[in-house]
C-alpha atoms as a PDB file:
ATOM      1  CA  MET A   1       0.000   0.000   0.000  1.00  0.00           C
ATOM      2  CA  LEU A   2       1.215   3.488  -0.802  1.00  0.00           C
ATOM      3  CA  LEU A   3       1.497   5.418   2.419  1.00  0.00           C
ATOM      4  CA  CYS A   4       2.441   9.035   2.165  1.00  0.00           C
ATOM      5  CA  VAL A   5       2.970  11.152   5.229  1.00  0.00           C
ATOM      6  CA  SER A   6       3.152  14.778   4.271  1.00  0.00           C
ATOM      7  CA  VAL A   7       2.479  18.105   5.935  1.00  0.00           C
ATOM      8  CA  THR A   8       1.290  19.441   2.566  1.00  0.00           C
ATOM      9  CA  THR A   9      -1.547  18.333   0.353  1.00  0.00           C
ATOM     10  CA  ARG A  10       0.823  17.019  -2.319  1.00  0.00           C
ATOM     11  CA  GLY A  11       0.009  13.567  -3.664  1.00  0.00           C
ATOM     12  CA  CYS A  12       2.346  10.580  -3.527  1.00  0.00           C
ATOM     13  CA  LEU A  13       3.977   8.857  -6.480  1.00  0.00           C
ATOM     14  CA  ARG A  14       4.613   5.120  -6.729  1.00  0.00           C
ATOM     15  CA  ILE A  15       6.495   3.938  -9.814  1.00  0.00           C
ATOM     16  CA  TYR A  16       6.600   0.386 -11.140  1.00  0.00           C
ATOM     17  CA  LEU A  17      10.057   0.251 -12.738  1.00  0.00           C
ATOM     18  CA  GLY A  18      10.336  -2.512 -15.324  1.00  0.00           C
ATOM     19  CA  ALA A  19      13.621  -4.222 -16.050  1.00  0.00           C
ATOM     20  CA  ALA A  20      12.310  -4.785 -19.605  1.00  0.00           C
ATOM     21  CA  PRO A  21       9.107  -4.389 -21.623  1.00  0.00           C
ATOM     22  CA  GLY A  22       6.603  -7.122 -20.836  1.00  0.00           C
ATOM     23  CA  VAL A  23       7.699  -8.006 -17.296  1.00  0.00           C
ATOM     24  CA  GLY A  24       4.321  -7.064 -15.807  1.00  0.00           C
ATOM     25  CA  LYS A  25       4.541  -3.437 -14.638  1.00  0.00           C
ATOM     26  CA  THR A  26       1.058  -2.468 -15.781  1.00  0.00           C
ATOM     27  CA  PHE A  27      -0.383  -5.740 -14.493  1.00  0.00           C
ATOM     28  CA  ASP A  28       1.151  -5.152 -11.046  1.00  0.00           C
ATOM     29  CA  MET A  29      -0.045  -1.535 -11.030  1.00  0.00           C
ATOM     30  CA  LEU A  30      -3.599  -2.660 -11.856  1.00  0.00           C
ATOM     31  CA  ASP A  31      -3.504  -5.327  -9.133  1.00  0.00           C
ATOM     32  CA  GLU A  32      -2.472  -2.685  -6.566  1.00  0.00           C
ATOM     33  CA  ALA A  33      -5.233  -0.366  -7.778  1.00  0.00           C
ATOM     34  CA  LYS A  34      -7.808  -3.143  -7.392  1.00  0.00           C
ATOM     35  CA  ARG A  35      -6.613  -3.868  -3.842  1.00  0.00           C
ATOM     36  CA  ARG A  36      -6.837  -0.182  -2.986  1.00  0.00           C
ATOM     37  CA  ALA A  37     -10.310   0.155  -4.526  1.00  0.00           C
ATOM     38  CA  ASP A  38     -11.497  -2.931  -2.601  1.00  0.00           C
ATOM     39  CA  ARG A  39     -10.368  -1.181   0.611  1.00  0.00           C
ATOM     40  CA  GLY A  40     -12.422   1.907  -0.237  1.00  0.00           C
ATOM     41  CA  THR A  41      -9.927   4.189  -1.997  1.00  0.00           C
ATOM     42  CA  ASP A  42     -11.409   6.312  -4.793  1.00  0.00           C
ATOM     43  CA  VAL A  43      -9.362   4.990  -7.743  1.00  0.00           C
ATOM     44  CA  VAL A  44      -9.586   5.932 -11.425  1.00  0.00           C
ATOM     45  CA  VAL A  45      -7.657   5.008 -14.530  1.00  0.00           C
ATOM     46  CA  GLY A  46      -6.237   8.139 -16.122  1.00  0.00           C
ATOM     47  CA  PHE A  47      -4.374   6.275 -18.845  1.00  0.00           C
ATOM     48  CA  VAL A  48      -3.505   2.595 -19.109  1.00  0.00           C
ATOM     49  CA  GLU A  49      -2.129   1.092 -22.297  1.00  0.00           C
ATOM     50  CA  THR A  50      -3.255  -2.534 -22.639  1.00  0.00           C
ATOM     51  CA  HIS A  51      -1.338  -3.110 -25.901  1.00  0.00           C
ATOM     52  CA  GLY A  52      -4.200  -5.423 -26.871  1.00  0.00           C
ATOM     53  CA  ARG A  53      -3.496  -7.815 -23.991  1.00  0.00           C
ATOM     54  CA  ALA A  54      -6.786  -9.431 -22.935  1.00  0.00           C
ATOM     55  CA  ARG A  55      -5.723 -10.155 -19.348  1.00  0.00           C
ATOM     56  CA  THR A  56      -4.607  -6.554 -18.846  1.00  0.00           C
ATOM     57  CA  ALA A  57      -7.857  -5.227 -20.336  1.00  0.00           C
ATOM     58  CA  GLU A  58      -9.783  -7.495 -17.928  1.00  0.00           C
ATOM     59  CA  ARG A  59      -8.180  -5.772 -14.962  1.00  0.00           C
ATOM     60  CA  VAL A  60      -8.941  -2.314 -16.339  1.00  0.00           C
ATOM     61  CA  ARG A  61     -12.652  -3.207 -16.595  1.00  0.00           C
ATOM     62  CA  ASP A  62     -12.859  -3.454 -12.793  1.00  0.00           C
ATOM     63  CA  LEU A  63     -11.965   0.243 -12.399  1.00  0.00           C
ATOM     64  CA  GLN A  64     -13.506   3.559 -13.386  1.00  0.00           C
ATOM     65  CA  VAL A  65     -11.798   4.874 -16.517  1.00  0.00           C
ATOM     66  CA  ILE A  66     -11.552   8.572 -17.325  1.00  0.00           C
ATOM     67  CA  PRO A  67     -12.229   8.774 -21.077  1.00  0.00           C
ATOM     68  CA  ARG A  68      -9.254   9.717 -23.225  1.00  0.00           C
ATOM     69  CA  LYS A  69      -9.339  12.795 -25.386  1.00  0.00           C
ATOM     70  CA  SER A  70      -8.843  12.599 -29.134  1.00  0.00           C
ATOM     71  CA  VAL A  71      -6.258  14.893 -30.660  1.00  0.00           C
ATOM     72  CA  VAL A  72      -5.732  15.430 -34.383  1.00  0.00           C
ATOM     73  CA  TYR A  73      -2.102  15.992 -35.303  1.00  0.00           C
ATOM     74  CA  ARG A  74      -0.718  16.049 -38.851  1.00  0.00           C
ATOM     75  CA  GLY A  75      -3.876  14.436 -40.201  1.00  0.00           C
ATOM     76  CA  ALA A  76      -3.902  11.519 -37.760  1.00  0.00           C
ATOM     77  CA  THR A  77      -6.046  11.089 -34.645  1.00  0.00           C
ATOM     78  CA  PHE A  78      -4.369  10.133 -31.354  1.00  0.00           C
ATOM     79  CA  GLU A  79      -5.794   9.367 -27.934  1.00  0.00           C
ATOM     80  CA  GLU A  80      -4.185  11.084 -24.970  1.00  0.00           C
ATOM     81  CA  MET A  81      -4.826  11.252 -21.246  1.00  0.00           C
ATOM     82  CA  ASP A  82      -7.379  13.932 -20.325  1.00  0.00           C
ATOM     83  CA  LEU A  83      -5.546  15.726 -17.518  1.00  0.00           C
ATOM     84  CA  ASP A  84      -8.272  18.339 -17.071  1.00  0.00           C
ATOM     85  CA  ALA A  85     -10.966  15.660 -16.684  1.00  0.00           C
ATOM     86  CA  ILE A  86      -8.910  13.906 -13.990  1.00  0.00           C
ATOM     87  CA  LEU A  87      -8.364  17.180 -12.135  1.00  0.00           C
ATOM     88  CA  ARG A  88     -12.112  17.911 -12.269  1.00  0.00           C
ATOM     89  CA  ARG A  89     -12.912  14.384 -11.012  1.00  0.00           C
ATOM     90  CA  ARG A  90     -10.347  14.669  -8.147  1.00  0.00           C
ATOM     91  CA  PRO A  91      -9.888  10.980  -7.267  1.00  0.00           C
ATOM     92  CA  GLU A  92      -7.725   9.904  -4.341  1.00  0.00           C
ATOM     93  CA  LEU A  93      -5.598   7.756  -6.659  1.00  0.00           C
ATOM     94  CA  VAL A  94      -5.083   7.762 -10.429  1.00  0.00           C
ATOM     95  CA  LEU A  95      -3.259   5.239 -12.621  1.00  0.00           C
ATOM     96  CA  VAL A  96      -1.063   6.788 -15.309  1.00  0.00           C
ATOM     97  CA  ASP A  97       0.831   4.272 -17.428  1.00  0.00           C
ATOM     98  CA  GLU A  98       4.002   5.044 -19.397  1.00  0.00           C
ATOM     99  CA  LEU A  99       5.681   7.814 -17.406  1.00  0.00           C
ATOM    100  CA  ALA A 100       8.150   8.651 -20.228  1.00  0.00           C
ATOM    101  CA  HIS A 101       5.429   9.116 -22.883  1.00  0.00           C
ATOM    102  CA  THR A 102       5.651  12.194 -25.106  1.00  0.00           C
ATOM    103  CA  ASN A 103       2.271  13.889 -25.463  1.00  0.00           C
ATOM    104  CA  VAL A 104       1.001  14.719 -28.932  1.00  0.00           C
ATOM    105  CA  PRO A 105       1.629  18.419 -29.656  1.00  0.00           C
ATOM    106  CA  GLY A 106      -1.490  20.426 -28.923  1.00  0.00           C
ATOM    107  CA  SER A 107      -2.958  17.839 -26.553  1.00  0.00           C
ATOM    108  CA  GLY A 108      -2.362  19.848 -23.400  1.00  0.00           C
ATOM    109  CA  GLU A 109      -0.051  22.212 -21.598  1.00  0.00           C
ATOM    110  CA  HIS A 110       2.790  19.694 -21.085  1.00  0.00           C
ATOM    111  CA  ALA A 111       5.090  18.009 -23.558  1.00  0.00           C
ATOM    112  CA  LYS A 112       5.652  14.906 -21.407  1.00  0.00           C
ATOM    113  CA  ARG A 113       3.420  12.653 -19.313  1.00  0.00           C
ATOM    114  CA  TRP A 114       5.716  12.934 -16.296  1.00  0.00           C
ATOM    115  CA  GLN A 115       4.884  16.659 -16.308  1.00  0.00           C
ATOM    116  CA  ASP A 116       1.159  15.806 -16.304  1.00  0.00           C
ATOM    117  CA  ILE A 117       1.822  13.568 -13.307  1.00  0.00           C
ATOM    118  CA  GLU A 118       3.569  16.421 -11.520  1.00  0.00           C
ATOM    119  CA  THR A 119       0.402  18.510 -11.965  1.00  0.00           C
ATOM    120  CA  LEU A 120      -1.693  15.675 -10.486  1.00  0.00           C
ATOM    121  CA  LEU A 121       0.651  15.370  -7.499  1.00  0.00           C
ATOM    122  CA  GLU A 122       0.551  19.132  -6.920  1.00  0.00           C
ATOM    123  CA  ALA A 123      -3.262  18.867  -6.876  1.00  0.00           C
ATOM    124  CA  GLY A 124      -3.015  16.361  -4.004  1.00  0.00           C
ATOM    125  CA  ILE A 125      -3.814  13.271  -6.086  1.00  0.00           C
ATOM    126  CA  ASP A 126      -1.796  10.088  -5.496  1.00  0.00           C
ATOM    127  CA  VAL A 127      -0.412   8.481  -8.673  1.00  0.00           C
ATOM    128  CA  LEU A 128       0.655   4.968  -9.650  1.00  0.00           C
ATOM    129  CA  SER A 129       2.779   4.955 -12.810  1.00  0.00           C
ATOM    130  CA  THR A 130       5.063   2.708 -14.861  1.00  0.00           C
ATOM    131  CA  VAL A 131       8.333   3.095 -16.721  1.00  0.00           C
ATOM    132  CA  ASN A 132      11.014   0.785 -18.108  1.00  0.00           C
ATOM    133  CA  VAL A 133      14.608   1.195 -17.018  1.00  0.00           C
ATOM    134  CA  GLN A 134      15.737   1.973 -20.584  1.00  0.00           C
ATOM    135  CA  HIS A 135      13.663   5.180 -20.454  1.00  0.00           C
ATOM    136  CA  LEU A 136      15.722   6.693 -17.627  1.00  0.00           C
ATOM    137  CA  GLU A 137      17.488   9.732 -19.062  1.00  0.00           C
ATOM    138  CA  SER A 138      20.876   8.865 -17.547  1.00  0.00           C
ATOM    139  CA  LEU A 139      20.877   5.449 -19.257  1.00  0.00           C
ATOM    140  CA  ASN A 140      20.021   6.706 -22.731  1.00  0.00           C
ATOM    141  CA  ASP A 141      23.575   6.469 -24.098  1.00  0.00           C
ATOM    142  CA  VAL A 142      24.151   3.050 -22.495  1.00  0.00           C
ATOM    143  CA  VAL A 143      20.906   1.685 -23.943  1.00  0.00           C
ATOM    144  CA  GLU A 144      21.806   2.992 -27.390  1.00  0.00           C
ATOM    145  CA  THR A 145      25.290   1.448 -27.165  1.00  0.00           C
ATOM    146  CA  ILE A 146      23.844  -1.957 -26.216  1.00  0.00           C
ATOM    147  CA  THR A 147      20.799  -2.029 -28.516  1.00  0.00           C
ATOM    148  CA  GLY A 148      21.818   0.334 -31.293  1.00  0.00           C
ATOM    149  CA  VAL A 149      18.497   2.131 -30.800  1.00  0.00           C
ATOM    150  CA  PRO A 150      18.258   5.562 -29.152  1.00  0.00           C
ATOM    151  CA  GLN A 151      15.365   5.986 -26.711  1.00  0.00           C
ATOM    152  CA  ARG A 152      13.368   8.976 -27.861  1.00  0.00           C
ATOM    153  CA  GLU A 153      11.087   8.946 -24.842  1.00  0.00           C
ATOM    154  CA  THR A 154      12.920   9.482 -21.589  1.00  0.00           C
ATOM    155  CA  VAL A 155      12.166  10.643 -18.078  1.00  0.00           C
ATOM    156  CA  PRO A 156      14.595  12.617 -15.912  1.00  0.00           C
ATOM    157  CA  ASP A 157      16.130  10.465 -13.178  1.00  0.00           C
ATOM    158  CA  SER A 158      15.115  13.162 -10.685  1.00  0.00           C
ATOM    159  CA  VAL A 159      11.433  12.343 -11.296  1.00  0.00           C
ATOM    160  CA  VAL A 160      12.018   8.712 -10.362  1.00  0.00           C
ATOM    161  CA  ARG A 161      14.199   9.647  -7.379  1.00  0.00           C
ATOM    162  CA  ALA A 162      11.444  11.951  -6.085  1.00  0.00           C
ATOM    163  CA  ALA A 163       8.873   9.129  -5.985  1.00  0.00           C
ATOM    164  CA  GLU A 164       7.829   7.966  -2.526  1.00  0.00           C
ATOM    165  CA  GLN A 165       8.113   4.358  -3.721  1.00  0.00           C
ATOM    166  CA  VAL A 166       9.799   2.632  -6.643  1.00  0.00           C
ATOM    167  CA  GLN A 167       8.963  -1.032  -7.118  1.00  0.00           C
ATOM    168  CA  LEU A 168      11.211  -3.061  -9.413  1.00  0.00           C
ATOM    169  CA  VAL A 169       9.306  -5.457 -11.665  1.00  0.00           C
ATOM    170  CA  ASP A 170      11.353  -8.198 -13.318  1.00  0.00           C
ATOM    171  CA  MET A 171      11.238 -11.836 -14.376  1.00  0.00           C
ATOM    172  CA  THR A 172      13.660 -14.425 -15.632  1.00  0.00           C
ATOM    173  CA  PRO A 173      14.778 -14.210 -19.272  1.00  0.00           C
ATOM    174  CA  GLU A 174      13.209 -17.633 -19.912  1.00  0.00           C
ATOM    175  CA  ALA A 175       9.816 -16.511 -18.616  1.00  0.00           C
ATOM    176  CA  LEU A 176      10.040 -13.310 -20.643  1.00  0.00           C
ATOM    177  CA  ARG A 177      10.861 -15.282 -23.811  1.00  0.00           C
ATOM    178  CA  ARG A 178       7.851 -17.562 -23.162  1.00  0.00           C
ATOM    179  CA  ARG A 179       5.575 -14.537 -22.729  1.00  0.00           C
ATOM    180  CA  MET A 180       6.911 -13.104 -25.967  1.00  0.00           C
ATOM    181  CA  ALA A 181       6.530 -16.399 -27.869  1.00  0.00           C
ATOM    182  CA  HIS A 182       2.915 -16.686 -26.698  1.00  0.00           C
ATOM    183  CA  GLY A 183       2.150 -13.157 -27.926  1.00  0.00           C
ATOM    184  CA  ASN A 184       1.698 -11.800 -24.386  1.00  0.00           C
ATOM    185  CA  ILE A 185       4.025  -8.829 -24.958  1.00  0.00           C
ATOM    186  CA  TYR A 186       3.807  -7.928 -28.647  1.00  0.00           C
ATOM    187  CA  PRO A 187       1.754  -9.314 -31.520  1.00  0.00           C
ATOM    188  CA  ALA A 188       3.665 -11.953 -33.505  1.00  0.00           C
ATOM    189  CA  GLU A 189       4.334  -9.537 -36.401  1.00  0.00           C
ATOM    190  CA  LYS A 190       6.163  -7.116 -34.047  1.00  0.00           C
ATOM    191  CA  ILE A 191       8.454  -9.613 -32.307  1.00  0.00           C
END
């Protein structure tokens, strides 16, 4: 349980830090949200990306979801988190997946989702979020050296350090390969 003792009305941040994509960060975050809701906490989903995973979508169905807003950018329509709707709703706890996400230009006042989360925290709303280790700004060059792919979406390490709790989510390489082979991480055409 996320316990935050503060003399201010600032919310608390708990981050599920994944060692790799597909290890179960979002799943763990949703399980914690369900436990909190069962104990009477006012929980909403601000933004959770299921990536088409049926078992993840099942867990989202048990919670109130704030509808996403549609944003047209360069002729394409994108769905983004509706920060204003969450602030109007004022839940005790909001789930905001993908901390390092870059918001579509014109979708709100912030360029990055971690900045949206900062606004929620300042409003006194507790946040559960997720991020993979390769999205930490200080590891960007190391990740590119190892994978050959630069991470375009990063989050400052200071944001993660400022969280009240950081929970590492990991699994064995064999289990991760099985999840991938069964299509539990990416569709077969993306593996």
